[in-house]
């Protein structure tokens, strides 16, 4: 059966209006996640996060910010896990920067001329920050459906619901488009040599990604846009698996190390711990640092 674009669009549109749930509502009745509007809150509890965490717990966090998780959920519902991973440039990931990089690794990332079915990526002053699915394109607008947004105009990351939205096609908030390879089953058969080359390339990209990225086990608990930006460590600083000095050490960042925060953080012992990305010895490390030793 062909992996046609209409399948994922239909599934995504059916989710329009879904609201994320509060921690209290989820703890009282976990099945509330499957209801569209009941139990609404601001704690990032969704059926998308629950389902994707079961499929890929080492990468898909729950509860956590869920715009990218929503896209992955729609794809696995439409095509199954294996085909969905292939269409999404090789893997699931709930971190928008990492998802965009997967497409770039496959040379399937475009900065203009969007197509229906593209995964659209938005940016703020710090970089890629939000994502959705393109459902319609004209010469003036690109229409999307997005998770963890709101009905307000413009890019709204961490907005708490699924909504259909529109943007000017030349919007400076659009970073680019990842392009899944739809209709895989109907494409012309490749010869055995090119098939082997493609298989080797896919394996190479997968291995490269797994070796170069370390992501903290604990998800961030909150988001505030004003925290987004580039920071520098003011002393040797531990990057940890979670917020707090008791959490496992990932790596010690030297004084003067540049890190990036996309607005996510957690509180521990009265201190704000920023969820940051740091490049260390050829590896991308994602974890928590005390804000006391970070300077914008």
Protein backbone atom coordinates (compact mmCIF):
# COMPACT_ATOMS: atom_id res chain seq x y z
CA UNK A 1 0.00 0.00 0.00
CA UNK A 2 1.44 3.38 -1.06
CA UNK A 3 2.49 5.95 1.51
CA UNK A 4 0.47 8.79 0.02
CA UNK A 5 0.45 12.27 1.51
CA UNK A 6 -3.33 12.40 1.92
CA UNK A 7 -3.22 9.78 4.69
CA UNK A 8 -1.20 11.86 7.14
CA UNK A 9 -3.07 15.07 6.25
CA UNK A 10 -6.42 13.41 7.00
CA UNK A 11 -5.23 12.11 10.37
CA UNK A 12 -3.69 15.44 11.36
CA UNK A 13 -6.77 17.47 10.46
CA UNK A 14 -8.96 15.20 12.58
CA UNK A 15 -6.92 16.32 15.63
CA UNK A 16 -7.73 20.03 15.19
CA UNK A 17 -8.99 21.39 18.51
CA UNK A 18 -7.26 18.86 20.80
CA UNK A 19 -6.16 20.44 24.11
CA UNK A 20 -3.24 19.32 26.26
CA UNK A 21 -4.19 18.13 29.75
CA UNK A 22 -3.31 19.21 33.26
CA UNK A 23 -1.25 16.97 35.53
CA UNK A 24 -4.18 16.85 37.97
CA UNK A 25 -6.63 15.68 35.30
CA UNK A 26 -4.22 13.01 34.08
CA UNK A 27 -3.48 11.68 37.55
CA UNK A 28 -7.19 11.50 38.33
CA UNK A 29 -8.02 9.66 35.10
CA UNK A 30 -5.25 8.80 32.58
CA UNK A 31 -7.87 8.10 29.90
CA UNK A 32 -8.58 11.83 29.77
CA UNK A 33 -5.69 12.05 27.28
CA UNK A 34 -7.92 10.48 24.65
CA UNK A 35 -10.61 13.15 25.03
CA UNK A 36 -10.35 16.20 22.84
CA UNK A 37 -11.20 19.01 25.26
CA UNK A 38 -11.72 17.59 28.76
CA UNK A 39 -9.08 18.09 31.44
CA UNK A 40 -7.35 20.98 29.67
CA UNK A 41 -4.28 22.40 31.36
CA UNK A 42 -0.71 23.57 30.82
CA UNK A 43 1.34 20.56 31.86
CA UNK A 44 2.14 18.98 28.46
CA UNK A 45 0.14 15.78 29.04
CA UNK A 46 -1.15 14.55 25.66
CA UNK A 47 -2.05 11.28 23.97
CA UNK A 48 0.66 12.06 21.42
CA UNK A 49 3.36 12.11 24.07
CA UNK A 50 2.01 9.02 25.78
CA UNK A 51 1.86 6.96 22.58
CA UNK A 52 5.21 8.06 21.18
CA UNK A 53 6.95 7.54 24.53
CA UNK A 54 5.75 3.93 24.49
CA UNK A 55 7.16 3.47 20.98
CA UNK A 56 10.51 5.22 21.55
CA UNK A 57 11.05 6.00 25.27
CA UNK A 58 14.74 6.88 24.96
CA UNK A 59 13.97 9.86 22.70
CA UNK A 60 10.27 10.75 22.97
CA UNK A 61 9.70 12.31 26.39
CA UNK A 62 6.41 12.33 28.31
CA UNK A 63 5.23 14.77 29.49
CA UNK A 64 7.15 17.29 27.41
CA UNK A 65 6.72 20.03 24.82
CA UNK A 66 4.94 18.26 21.98
CA UNK A 67 4.84 20.11 18.64
CA UNK A 68 7.31 17.70 17.04
CA UNK A 69 5.79 14.74 18.85
CA UNK A 70 2.43 15.60 17.26
CA UNK A 71 3.91 15.39 13.75
CA UNK A 72 5.59 12.05 14.52
CA UNK A 73 2.36 10.68 16.01
CA UNK A 74 0.39 11.57 12.87
CA UNK A 75 2.96 9.83 10.68
CA UNK A 76 3.06 6.61 12.70
CA UNK A 77 -0.76 6.52 12.73
CA UNK A 78 -0.86 6.98 8.97
CA UNK A 79 1.95 4.65 7.90
CA UNK A 80 3.05 2.51 10.84
CA UNK A 81 6.28 2.90 12.80
CA UNK A 82 8.78 1.61 10.23
CA UNK A 83 7.40 3.52 7.25
CA UNK A 84 6.90 6.66 9.34
CA UNK A 85 10.56 6.68 10.38
CA UNK A 86 11.60 6.35 6.76
CA UNK A 87 9.40 9.24 5.69
CA UNK A 88 10.70 11.41 8.55
CA UNK A 89 14.27 11.14 7.24
CA UNK A 90 15.18 8.11 9.32
CA UNK A 91 13.83 8.48 12.84
CA UNK A 92 11.44 10.02 15.34
CA UNK A 93 12.62 12.93 17.51
CA UNK A 94 10.71 15.33 19.74
CA UNK A 95 13.46 17.98 19.54
CA UNK A 96 12.76 20.27 16.58
CA UNK A 97 16.40 21.13 15.92
CA UNK A 98 17.32 17.44 15.73
CA UNK A 99 14.34 16.67 13.46
CA UNK A 100 15.34 19.40 11.03
CA UNK A 101 18.89 18.06 11.02
CA UNK A 102 17.65 14.61 10.00
CA UNK A 103 16.19 16.12 6.82
CA UNK A 104 19.37 18.14 6.23
CA UNK A 105 21.43 14.97 6.52
CA UNK A 106 19.28 13.47 3.75
CA UNK A 107 19.46 16.67 1.64
CA UNK A 108 15.69 16.93 1.99
CA UNK A 109 15.49 20.35 3.69
CA UNK A 110 14.28 23.33 1.64
CA UNK A 111 14.03 27.05 2.41
CA UNK A 112 11.45 27.89 -0.28
CA UNK A 113 8.77 26.38 -2.52
CA UNK A 114 6.85 24.39 0.15
CA UNK A 115 4.70 21.42 -0.79
CA UNK A 116 1.68 19.83 0.87
CA UNK A 117 2.94 17.24 3.33
CA UNK A 118 6.18 19.03 4.16
CA UNK A 119 7.18 19.29 7.81
CA UNK A 120 7.50 23.03 8.35
CA UNK A 121 10.03 24.41 10.84
CA UNK A 122 9.77 27.84 12.46
CA UNK A 123 12.50 29.92 14.05
CA UNK A 124 12.95 32.64 16.62
CA UNK A 125 16.05 34.71 17.35
CA UNK A 126 17.82 31.66 18.79
CA UNK A 127 17.07 29.21 15.99
CA UNK A 128 14.50 26.53 15.18
CA UNK A 129 11.82 26.49 17.86
CA UNK A 130 8.55 24.99 16.53
CA UNK A 131 7.18 22.68 13.84
CA UNK A 132 4.01 21.54 12.11
CA UNK A 133 2.67 19.96 8.92
CA UNK A 134 1.90 21.81 5.67
CA UNK A 135 -1.66 21.09 4.51
CA UNK A 136 -2.16 23.71 1.77
CA UNK A 137 0.00 26.04 -0.32
CA UNK A 138 -0.91 28.99 -2.56
CA UNK A 139 1.26 31.67 -4.14
CA UNK A 140 0.73 33.85 -1.04
CA UNK A 141 0.15 31.62 2.00
CA UNK A 142 1.17 28.34 3.53
CA UNK A 143 -1.47 26.67 5.68
CA UNK A 144 -0.40 24.31 8.46
CA UNK A 145 -1.70 22.14 11.24
CA UNK A 146 0.41 22.30 14.39
CA UNK A 147 0.52 20.75 17.82
CA UNK A 148 1.29 22.75 20.97
CA UNK A 149 0.23 26.07 19.44
CA UNK A 150 -2.83 28.32 19.80
CA UNK A 151 -5.38 30.19 17.71
CA UNK A 152 -3.39 33.44 17.99
CA UNK A 153 -1.78 34.78 14.84
CA UNK A 154 1.87 34.03 14.27
CA UNK A 155 4.17 31.34 15.62
CA UNK A 156 3.05 30.24 19.09
CA UNK A 157 5.32 27.59 20.60
CA UNK A 158 4.01 25.77 23.68
CA UNK A 159 0.46 27.05 23.12
CA UNK A 160 -1.32 23.93 24.38
CA UNK A 161 -3.56 22.85 21.50
CA UNK A 162 -3.77 21.56 17.93
CA UNK A 163 -4.76 24.24 15.42
CA UNK A 164 -4.90 24.90 11.69
CA UNK A 165 -3.01 28.12 10.93
CA UNK A 166 -1.84 30.25 8.00
CA UNK A 167 1.32 32.27 7.34
CA UNK A 168 2.57 34.49 4.51
CA UNK A 169 4.66 32.26 2.29
CA UNK A 170 7.59 34.66 2.68
CA UNK A 171 7.32 34.89 6.49
CA UNK A 172 10.69 35.45 8.16
CA UNK A 173 9.53 33.14 10.97
CA UNK A 174 9.71 30.14 8.62
CA UNK A 175 13.14 28.50 8.72
CA UNK A 176 12.45 25.79 6.17
CA UNK A 177 10.70 22.60 5.14
CA UNK A 178 11.62 18.96 5.62
CA UNK A 179 10.32 16.92 2.71
CA UNK A 180 9.23 13.29 3.37
CA UNK A 181 9.50 10.88 0.45
CA UNK A 182 5.83 9.99 -0.05
CA UNK A 183 4.58 7.20 -2.32
CA UNK A 184 7.63 5.05 -1.59
CA UNK A 185 5.84 1.88 -2.68
CA UNK A 186 5.07 3.35 -6.12
CA UNK A 187 8.45 4.74 -7.05
CA UNK A 188 10.47 3.14 -9.82
CA UNK A 189 12.43 0.15 -8.58
CA UNK A 190 16.11 0.79 -8.18
CA UNK A 191 18.76 -1.70 -9.23
CA UNK A 192 20.45 -3.78 -6.56
CA UNK A 193 23.53 -1.56 -6.54
CA UNK A 194 21.62 1.65 -5.83
CA UNK A 195 19.50 -0.15 -3.24
CA UNK A 196 22.61 -1.25 -1.41
CA UNK A 197 24.03 2.28 -1.58
CA UNK A 198 20.80 3.73 -0.19
CA UNK A 199 20.76 1.19 2.64
CA UNK A 200 24.37 2.00 3.50
CA UNK A 201 23.63 5.74 3.46
CA UNK A 202 20.64 5.32 5.75
CA UNK A 203 22.68 3.26 8.19
CA UNK A 204 25.53 5.76 8.08
CA UNK A 205 23.25 8.70 8.90
CA UNK A 206 21.57 6.78 11.71
CA UNK A 207 24.88 5.77 13.25
CA UNK A 208 26.27 9.26 12.90
CA UNK A 209 23.26 10.80 14.63
CA UNK A 210 23.28 8.31 17.48
CA UNK A 211 27.02 8.81 18.10
CA UNK A 212 26.93 12.59 18.01
CA UNK A 213 23.91 13.44 20.16
CA UNK A 214 23.38 12.90 23.89
CA UNK A 215 20.02 13.98 25.25
CA UNK A 216 19.14 14.26 28.94
CA UNK A 217 16.77 11.62 30.26
CA UNK A 218 14.60 14.17 32.08
CA UNK A 219 12.38 16.56 30.05
CA UNK A 220 12.12 20.25 30.86
CA UNK A 221 9.13 21.21 33.00
CA UNK A 222 8.37 24.72 31.73
CA UNK A 223 8.91 27.23 28.94
CA UNK A 224 9.41 30.98 28.75
CA UNK A 225 10.34 32.70 25.50
CA UNK A 226 12.49 35.36 27.23
CA UNK A 227 14.95 32.65 28.26
CA UNK A 228 15.70 31.78 24.63
CA UNK A 229 19.13 32.77 23.45
CA UNK A 230 22.86 32.21 23.44
CA UNK A 231 24.66 31.94 26.79
CA UNK A 232 28.26 31.61 27.99
CA UNK A 233 29.35 29.73 31.12
CA UNK A 234 30.93 32.01 33.75
CA UNK A 235 32.77 29.10 35.43
CA UNK A 236 33.38 25.40 34.87
CA UNK A 237 29.79 24.15 34.85
CA UNK A 238 28.22 20.70 35.05
CA UNK A 239 25.68 19.74 32.38
CA UNK A 240 23.32 17.22 33.98
CA UNK A 241 20.66 14.65 33.06
CA UNK A 242 18.04 16.61 35.00
CA UNK A 243 17.57 19.74 37.09
CA UNK A 244 19.50 19.72 40.38
CA UNK A 245 22.93 18.86 41.71
CA UNK A 246 21.90 15.28 42.49
CA UNK A 247 21.19 14.43 38.85
CA UNK A 248 23.68 12.43 36.78
CA UNK A 249 26.56 14.38 35.25
CA UNK A 250 26.71 14.40 31.43
CA UNK A 251 29.83 16.53 30.97
CA UNK A 252 31.61 19.46 32.62
CA UNK A 253 31.56 22.53 30.42
CA UNK A 254 34.64 24.77 30.66
CA UNK A 255 34.40 28.45 31.55
CA UNK A 256 33.53 30.45 28.45
CA UNK A 257 31.67 27.58 26.75
CA UNK A 258 28.84 28.75 24.49
CA UNK A 259 25.44 27.09 24.94
CA UNK A 260 21.98 27.68 23.48
CA UNK A 261 18.66 27.68 25.33
CA UNK A 262 15.37 27.51 23.41
CA UNK A 263 13.29 28.74 26.35
CA UNK A 264 12.85 25.48 28.28
CA UNK A 265 13.81 25.02 31.92
CA UNK A 266 13.06 23.29 35.24
CA UNK A 267 13.26 24.46 38.86
CA UNK A 268 15.27 22.64 41.54
CA UNK A 269 16.16 23.79 45.05
CA UNK A 270 14.90 27.26 44.20
CA UNK A 271 17.24 27.57 41.21
CA UNK A 272 16.26 27.76 37.55
CA UNK A 273 18.05 25.10 35.51
CA UNK A 274 18.09 25.89 31.80
CA UNK A 275 17.66 23.11 29.24
CA UNK A 276 20.54 23.84 26.87
CA UNK A 277 22.45 22.52 23.89
CA UNK A 278 26.25 22.49 23.95
CA UNK A 279 28.84 21.26 21.44
CA UNK A 280 31.63 19.31 23.16
CA UNK A 281 34.36 17.29 21.44
CA UNK A 282 32.26 16.74 18.33
CA UNK A 283 29.19 15.69 20.31
CA UNK A 284 25.93 17.63 20.72
CA UNK A 285 25.02 17.43 24.41
CA UNK A 286 21.51 18.40 25.56
CA UNK A 287 20.86 18.77 29.28
CA UNK A 288 20.44 21.06 32.27
CA UNK A 289 22.76 23.78 33.65
CA UNK A 290 22.28 26.06 36.63
CA UNK A 291 21.31 29.53 35.41
CA UNK A 292 23.51 31.04 38.15
CA UNK A 293 26.58 30.33 36.05
CA UNK A 294 25.25 31.31 32.64
CA UNK A 295 25.39 34.76 31.08
CA UNK A 296 23.64 35.95 27.93
